[in-house]
Protein backbone atom coordinates (compact mmCIF):
# COMPACT_ATOMS: atom_id res chain seq x y z
CA MET A 1 -4.20 -10.94 -15.75
CA ARG A 2 -7.35 -11.49 -13.45
CA HIS A 3 -5.24 -13.56 -11.13
CA LEU A 4 -2.69 -10.84 -10.34
CA ASN A 5 -5.09 -9.53 -7.83
CA LYS A 6 -4.75 -12.78 -5.90
CA LEU A 7 -0.89 -12.50 -6.05
CA ARG A 8 -1.21 -8.85 -4.85
CA LEU A 9 -3.36 -10.03 -1.91
CA ALA A 10 -0.94 -12.84 -1.24
CA THR A 11 2.07 -10.36 -1.29
CA LEU A 12 0.20 -7.96 1.24
CA ALA A 13 -0.48 -11.02 3.60
CA ILE A 14 3.25 -12.11 3.38
CA ILE A 15 4.39 -8.52 4.09
CA PHE A 16 1.98 -8.06 7.10
CA ALA A 17 3.24 -11.53 8.40
CA MET A 18 6.79 -10.40 8.15
CA LEU A 19 6.15 -7.39 10.19
CA VAL A 20 4.55 -9.56 12.84
CA LEU A 21 7.53 -12.01 12.68
CA LEU A 22 10.33 -9.39 13.06
CA PRO A 23 9.58 -8.38 16.57
CA PHE A 24 9.53 -11.94 17.60
CA LEU A 25 12.99 -12.44 15.92
CA SER A 26 14.29 -9.44 17.86
CA ILE A 27 13.09 -10.80 21.07
CA TYR A 28 14.68 -14.26 20.36
CA GLN A 29 17.91 -12.59 19.32
CA SER A 30 18.07 -10.69 22.55
CA TYR A 31 17.63 -13.88 24.58
CA ARG A 32 20.30 -15.71 22.59
CA ALA A 33 22.72 -12.77 22.92
CA ALA A 34 22.26 -12.61 26.69
CA TYR A 35 22.87 -16.32 27.31
CA ALA A 36 19.93 -16.19 29.76
CA TYR A 37 17.78 -19.26 28.99
CA ASP A 38 17.82 -20.51 32.62
CA LEU A 39 16.75 -17.17 33.89
CA LEU A 40 13.60 -16.95 31.65
CA ALA A 41 10.10 -17.65 32.71
CA PRO A 42 8.57 -20.97 31.65
CA ALA A 43 6.43 -19.20 28.91
CA GLU A 44 9.48 -17.38 27.74
CA GLN A 45 11.58 -20.73 27.55
CA GLN A 46 8.80 -22.06 25.52
CA PHE A 47 8.94 -19.13 23.19
CA TYR A 48 12.57 -19.51 23.00
CA ASP A 49 12.34 -23.23 21.93
CA VAL A 50 9.76 -22.55 19.34
CA MET A 51 11.96 -19.78 17.76
CA GLU A 52 15.06 -21.94 17.94
CA TRP A 53 13.19 -24.62 16.13
CA LEU A 54 12.04 -22.16 13.43
CA SER A 55 15.44 -20.45 12.96
CA GLU A 56 17.81 -23.53 13.30
CA PRO A 57 17.50 -24.52 9.53
CA PHE A 58 18.59 -21.01 8.42
CA THR A 59 21.30 -19.91 10.85
CA ASP A 60 23.80 -21.35 13.39
CA ASP A 61 24.38 -18.00 15.04
CA PRO A 62 21.03 -16.23 15.53
CA ALA A 63 22.54 -13.54 17.75
CA ALA A 64 24.50 -12.23 14.78
CA ASP A 65 22.76 -13.47 11.79
CA LEU A 66 19.30 -12.07 12.65
CA ASP A 67 20.65 -8.65 12.08
CA MET A 68 20.12 -9.40 8.55
CA LEU A 69 16.32 -9.13 9.03
CA LYS A 70 15.52 -5.67 10.66
CA GLY A 71 13.07 -2.76 10.43
CA THR A 72 9.73 -2.20 8.69
CA THR A 73 8.41 -0.95 5.40
CA TRP A 74 9.51 2.45 6.72
CA SER A 75 13.11 1.42 6.67
CA ALA A 76 14.58 -2.00 6.70
CA ASN A 77 17.63 -4.16 6.28
CA ILE A 78 16.83 -7.34 4.25
CA PHE A 79 19.91 -9.65 3.91
CA GLY A 80 22.18 -6.79 3.64
CA LEU A 81 19.91 -4.70 1.21
CA LYS A 82 18.93 -1.55 2.89
CA LEU A 83 15.58 -0.22 1.80
CA SER A 84 13.77 2.96 2.91
CA ASP A 85 10.35 4.52 2.09
CA PRO A 86 10.96 7.69 -0.03
CA LEU A 87 8.93 9.56 2.41
CA ALA A 88 11.21 8.54 5.14
CA VAL A 89 14.19 9.98 3.30
CA VAL A 90 12.41 13.15 2.23
CA GLY A 91 11.30 13.72 5.80
CA GLN A 92 14.75 13.14 7.17
CA MET A 93 16.29 15.61 4.76
CA ALA A 94 13.72 18.19 5.72
CA ALA A 95 14.25 17.64 9.46
CA GLY A 96 18.18 17.42 9.24
CA GLY A 97 18.47 20.23 6.76
CA ARG A 98 21.00 18.19 4.82
CA VAL A 99 21.24 15.15 2.41
CA TYR A 100 22.53 12.10 3.99
CA ALA A 101 23.75 10.03 0.97
CA PRO A 102 23.51 6.46 2.35
CA PHE A 103 19.96 7.02 3.48
CA LEU A 104 19.10 8.60 0.11
CA LEU A 105 20.52 5.47 -1.76
CA SER A 106 18.44 3.22 0.29
CA ALA A 107 15.31 4.78 -1.30
CA LEU A 108 16.71 4.37 -4.79
CA ILE A 109 15.09 1.12 -5.57
CA PRO A 110 11.60 2.23 -4.31
CA ILE A 111 11.98 5.41 -6.30
CA ILE A 112 13.01 3.70 -9.61
CA LEU A 113 10.09 1.20 -9.27
CA SER A 114 7.64 4.02 -8.50
CA VAL A 115 8.68 5.76 -11.65
CA LEU A 116 8.36 2.66 -13.63
CA LEU A 117 5.26 1.10 -11.94
CA GLY A 118 3.37 4.17 -10.44
CA ARG A 119 1.86 4.14 -7.06
CA PHE A 120 2.57 0.43 -6.67
CA PHE A 121 3.60 0.75 -3.01
CA CYS A 122 0.12 1.76 -2.01
CA GLY A 123 -1.49 -1.23 -3.67
CA TRP A 124 1.14 -4.00 -3.47
CA ILE A 125 3.39 -3.27 -0.45
CA CYS A 126 1.82 -1.02 2.06
CA PRO A 127 0.72 -2.99 5.17
CA ALA A 128 -2.15 -0.80 5.72
CA THR A 129 -3.80 -1.69 2.36
CA GLY A 130 -5.11 -5.01 3.40
CA LEU A 131 -6.64 -3.56 6.47
CA TYR A 132 -8.24 -0.78 4.66
CA GLU A 133 -9.56 -3.19 2.09
CA LEU A 134 -11.14 -5.28 4.90
CA ASN A 135 -12.63 -2.06 6.08
CA SER A 136 -14.28 -1.41 2.81
CA ALA A 137 -15.69 -4.92 2.97
CA LEU A 138 -17.12 -4.02 6.36
CA SER A 139 -18.59 -1.02 4.77
CA ARG A 140 -20.33 -3.08 2.18
CA TRP A 141 -21.65 -5.38 4.88
CA LEU A 142 -23.11 -2.54 6.70
CA ARG A 143 -24.80 -1.33 3.60
CA ALA A 144 -26.30 -4.89 3.03
CA LEU A 145 -27.81 -4.29 6.48
CA GLY A 146 -29.18 -0.98 5.60
CA LEU A 147 -26.58 1.14 7.45
CA ARG A 148 -25.29 3.37 4.62
CA SER A 149 -22.19 5.46 5.37
CA PRO A 150 -21.71 8.88 3.78
CA ALA A 151 -19.67 8.80 0.44
CA ARG A 152 -18.29 12.29 0.47
CA HIS A 153 -15.76 13.50 -2.00
CA PHE A 154 -12.96 15.95 -1.43
CA ASP A 155 -10.28 17.69 -3.66
CA LEU A 156 -7.55 14.97 -4.42
CA ARG A 157 -5.05 17.63 -4.23
CA PHE A 158 -5.43 18.00 -0.51
CA LYS A 159 -2.87 15.22 0.19
CA TYR A 160 -0.33 17.30 -1.51
CA GLY A 161 -1.00 20.05 0.90
CA VAL A 162 -0.55 17.55 3.76
CA LEU A 163 2.84 16.53 2.24
CA ALA A 164 3.96 20.10 1.83
CA VAL A 165 2.88 21.07 5.52
CA GLY A 166 4.57 17.84 6.81
CA LEU A 167 7.80 18.87 5.17
CA LEU A 168 7.61 22.38 6.62
CA LEU A 169 6.81 21.07 10.27
CA SER A 170 9.79 18.71 9.95
CA MET A 171 12.01 21.65 8.90
CA VAL A 172 10.78 23.72 11.75
CA THR A 173 10.82 21.12 14.45
CA GLY A 174 13.74 19.11 13.32
CA SER A 175 11.69 15.88 13.66
CA ILE A 176 10.11 13.46 10.98
CA PHE A 177 6.61 14.60 11.20
CA PHE A 178 5.50 12.02 8.79
CA ALA A 179 6.25 9.17 11.15
CA LEU A 180 3.36 10.34 13.36
CA ILE A 181 0.60 10.07 10.62
CA TYR A 182 1.88 7.66 7.89
CA PRO A 183 0.02 4.39 8.26
CA PRO A 184 2.96 2.07 7.08
CA ALA A 185 5.22 3.61 9.63
CA ILE A 186 2.53 3.38 12.30
CA ILE A 187 1.72 -0.20 11.72
CA GLY A 188 5.26 -1.40 11.77
CA ARG A 189 5.91 0.57 15.07
CA GLU A 190 2.65 -0.43 16.79
CA LEU A 191 3.16 -4.19 15.95
CA TYR A 192 6.54 -3.93 17.56
CA TYR A 193 5.17 -2.16 20.63
CA ALA A 194 2.30 -4.76 20.99
CA ILE A 195 4.52 -7.90 20.56
CA ALA A 196 7.79 -6.71 22.06
CA LEU A 197 6.58 -4.42 24.77
CA GLY A 198 3.12 -5.58 25.45
CA GLY A 199 1.10 -2.51 24.56
CA PHE A 200 0.18 -0.13 21.96
CA GLY A 201 1.19 3.57 21.50
CA ALA A 202 -0.74 6.61 20.40
CA GLY A 203 -0.24 5.65 16.75
CA ALA A 204 -2.73 2.83 17.07
CA VAL A 205 -5.51 5.40 18.09
CA PHE A 206 -4.56 7.55 15.08
CA PHE A 207 -4.82 4.51 12.65
CA VAL A 208 -8.16 3.46 14.00
CA LEU A 209 -9.29 7.10 13.38
CA THR A 210 -8.29 6.65 9.77
CA LEU A 211 -10.33 3.53 9.59
CA LEU A 212 -13.42 5.42 10.90
CA PHE A 213 -12.82 8.17 8.57
CA ASP A 214 -12.91 5.67 5.65
CA LEU A 215 -15.91 3.97 7.13
CA LEU A 216 -18.00 7.04 8.06
CA VAL A 217 -16.89 9.81 5.77
CA ALA A 218 -15.22 8.75 2.48
CA ARG A 219 -14.26 5.37 0.92
CA ARG A 220 -10.52 4.98 1.22
CA GLY A 221 -10.70 8.61 2.33
CA PHE A 222 -7.25 8.67 4.02
CA CYS A 223 -5.31 7.22 1.11
CA ARG A 224 -7.17 9.35 -1.41
CA TYR A 225 -7.20 12.64 0.37
CA LEU A 226 -4.78 12.83 3.33
CA CYS A 227 -1.89 10.31 2.90
CA PRO A 228 1.47 12.17 2.42
CA GLY A 229 3.07 8.92 1.21
CA GLY A 230 0.26 8.48 -1.36
CA ALA A 231 0.93 12.11 -2.51
CA LEU A 232 4.65 11.36 -2.87
CA TYR A 233 4.18 8.08 -4.82
CA SER A 234 1.46 9.73 -7.03
CA LEU A 235 4.05 12.50 -7.99
CA LEU A 236 6.87 10.00 -8.66
CA GLY A 237 4.45 7.68 -10.68
CA ARG A 238 2.80 10.47 -12.70
CA TYR A 239 4.66 9.42 -15.96
CA ARG A 240 4.91 5.80 -15.03
CA LEU A 241 5.71 3.29 -17.85
CA LEU A 242 3.24 0.43 -16.84
CA ARG A 243 -0.36 1.42 -16.98
CA ILE A 244 -3.76 -0.35 -17.07
CA ALA A 245 -5.63 0.37 -20.31
CA ARG A 246 -9.02 -0.69 -21.48
CA LYS A 247 -9.38 -2.74 -24.74
CA VAL A 248 -12.63 -0.90 -25.96
CA GLU A 249 -13.22 -3.71 -28.57
CA GLN A 250 -13.75 -6.17 -25.65
CA CYS A 251 -15.50 -3.88 -23.21
CA ASN A 252 -19.31 -4.35 -22.51
CA ASP A 253 -19.71 -1.28 -20.30
CA CYS A 254 -20.87 -3.39 -17.24
CA THR A 255 -19.20 -0.71 -14.74
CA LYS A 256 -17.85 -3.56 -12.63
CA CYS A 257 -14.49 -2.02 -12.85
CA ASP A 258 -15.68 1.29 -11.64
CA VAL A 259 -17.53 -0.15 -8.73
CA VAL A 260 -14.59 -2.27 -7.50
CA CYS A 261 -11.96 0.54 -7.69
CA GLU A 262 -11.05 1.58 -4.23
CA PHE A 263 -9.78 5.03 -5.37
CA GLY A 264 -12.94 6.08 -7.09
CA LEU A 265 -11.29 6.06 -10.62
CA GLN A 266 -13.27 5.38 -13.72
CA PRO A 267 -11.62 2.51 -15.69
CA MET A 268 -14.71 2.12 -17.86
CA ARG A 269 -14.20 5.64 -19.16
CA ASP A 270 -10.32 5.32 -19.30
CA GLY A 271 -10.01 7.55 -16.25
CA PHE A 272 -6.86 6.25 -14.41
CA GLY A 273 -4.43 9.00 -14.03
CA GLN A 274 -1.60 9.41 -11.45
CA GLU A 275 -3.84 8.12 -8.57
CA CYS A 276 -3.91 4.50 -10.00
CA ASN A 277 -1.91 2.17 -7.89
CA ASN A 278 -2.00 -0.75 -10.55
CA CYS A 279 -3.69 -3.00 -7.94
CA THR A 280 -5.43 -4.92 -10.78
CA ALA A 281 -8.76 -5.23 -8.86
CA CYS A 282 -10.53 -3.92 -11.93
CA MET A 283 -8.79 -6.56 -14.12
CA ALA A 284 -10.05 -9.28 -11.57
CA VAL A 285 -13.66 -8.34 -12.15
CA CYS A 286 -13.76 -7.64 -15.75
CA PRO A 287 -15.97 -10.36 -17.30
CA THR A 288 -14.58 -9.90 -20.96
CA ASP A 289 -10.97 -9.29 -20.06
CA ALA A 290 -10.98 -5.78 -21.53
CA LEU A 291 -8.38 -4.50 -19.06
CA ALA A 292 -4.67 -5.22 -19.50
CA PHE A 293 -1.34 -3.47 -18.85
CA ARG A 294 0.40 -1.51 -21.45
CA PHE A 295 3.71 0.24 -21.58
CA ALA A 296 3.24 4.12 -22.17
CA VAL A 297 4.00 7.43 -20.35
CA THR A 298 0.38 8.60 -20.66
CA ASP A 299 -3.07 7.10 -20.45
CA LEU A 300 -5.20 6.37 -23.40
CA PRO A 301 -7.71 9.31 -24.11
CA ALA A 302 -11.38 8.45 -23.56
CA GLN A 303 -12.33 5.87 -26.16
CA GLY A 304 -16.19 6.01 -25.73
CA ALA A 305 -18.53 3.19 -25.21
CA GLY A 306 -17.30 -0.34 -25.26
CA HIS A 307 -17.89 -2.24 -28.48
CA LEU A 308 -19.70 -5.02 -26.73
CA GLY A 309 -21.91 -2.63 -24.66
CA ARG A 310 -25.63 -1.75 -25.70
CA THR A 311 -24.60 1.86 -26.48
CA HIS A 312 -22.15 0.91 -29.15
CA LEU A 313 -24.16 -1.92 -30.46
CA ARG A 314 -27.21 0.28 -30.79
CA HIS A 315 -25.39 3.18 -32.44
CA GLY A 316 -22.31 1.55 -34.05
CA ALA A 317 -23.40 -1.74 -35.27
CA SER A 318 -26.33 -0.74 -37.34
CA PRO A 319 -24.36 0.89 -40.14
CA ALA A 320 -22.05 -2.32 -40.34
CA GLU A 321 -25.23 -4.33 -40.62
CA GLY A 322 -26.40 -2.12 -43.43
CA GLU A 323 -23.18 -2.57 -45.19
CA ASP A 324 -23.59 -6.42 -45.21
């Protein structure tokens, strides 16, 4: 189980790489459709040649076939399978005042997976997650240098207020407000701007502000307290079927799982709840393999001290020794 976190990090890297690749494919597709190779600048011709070499094993007609790979984690077409973030669909319905069935169906797979797996999108898919975790690593390095950042705590319910206000603003303005403040949407859009258009938009500034908020105010503060997508996924996954649970017989109360949890949960005290995104970071650091997945609609109640820990051995092992 401890190697699942490596798989998660690899998945995040692949998704981010795809978001970088997609604008290049779009540019190349435009060049092919225009039949304008001789009119391209030398650098553009070099880019054309590289993309042709990369795509040639997969397609004979890039101008048409590359339409099979479009979009971002906000909404995408992947080999004919249309997928959308549930937040995009909810925002569109609020802004348009009606349900557009094809768009709703494109969110069906993410919704079903969230009901089964919980807030997995935040831990396994969101392209901002890797950047936020690098930001947390930076915070640890700063602490090692003696520069401690504040670790403030706020009400976790605040993000549900952001979700509600965002829906209200979408209804009033007729535009999808969440696209302005939702990191997965911002990253996909800004990468396209940077690669295809040669610059960044205002969304890049907002994303940097979220990084500073996490670094200077609260650890993973935006995801925990402000992200409307995190709020929606937490609601969808409240009664998820796949949950991390502690095997109290193998726990030694080392607290490593509590320390590594980016969302400030308490795995060592069975405190997971609907905020858990099943990232498996706690499993990866557990020295006794005391954390594992289980199928259930609720978390285990607090089980007390781990049986390999000093508290249990001091108070629980003595009677057993007396019986021997």
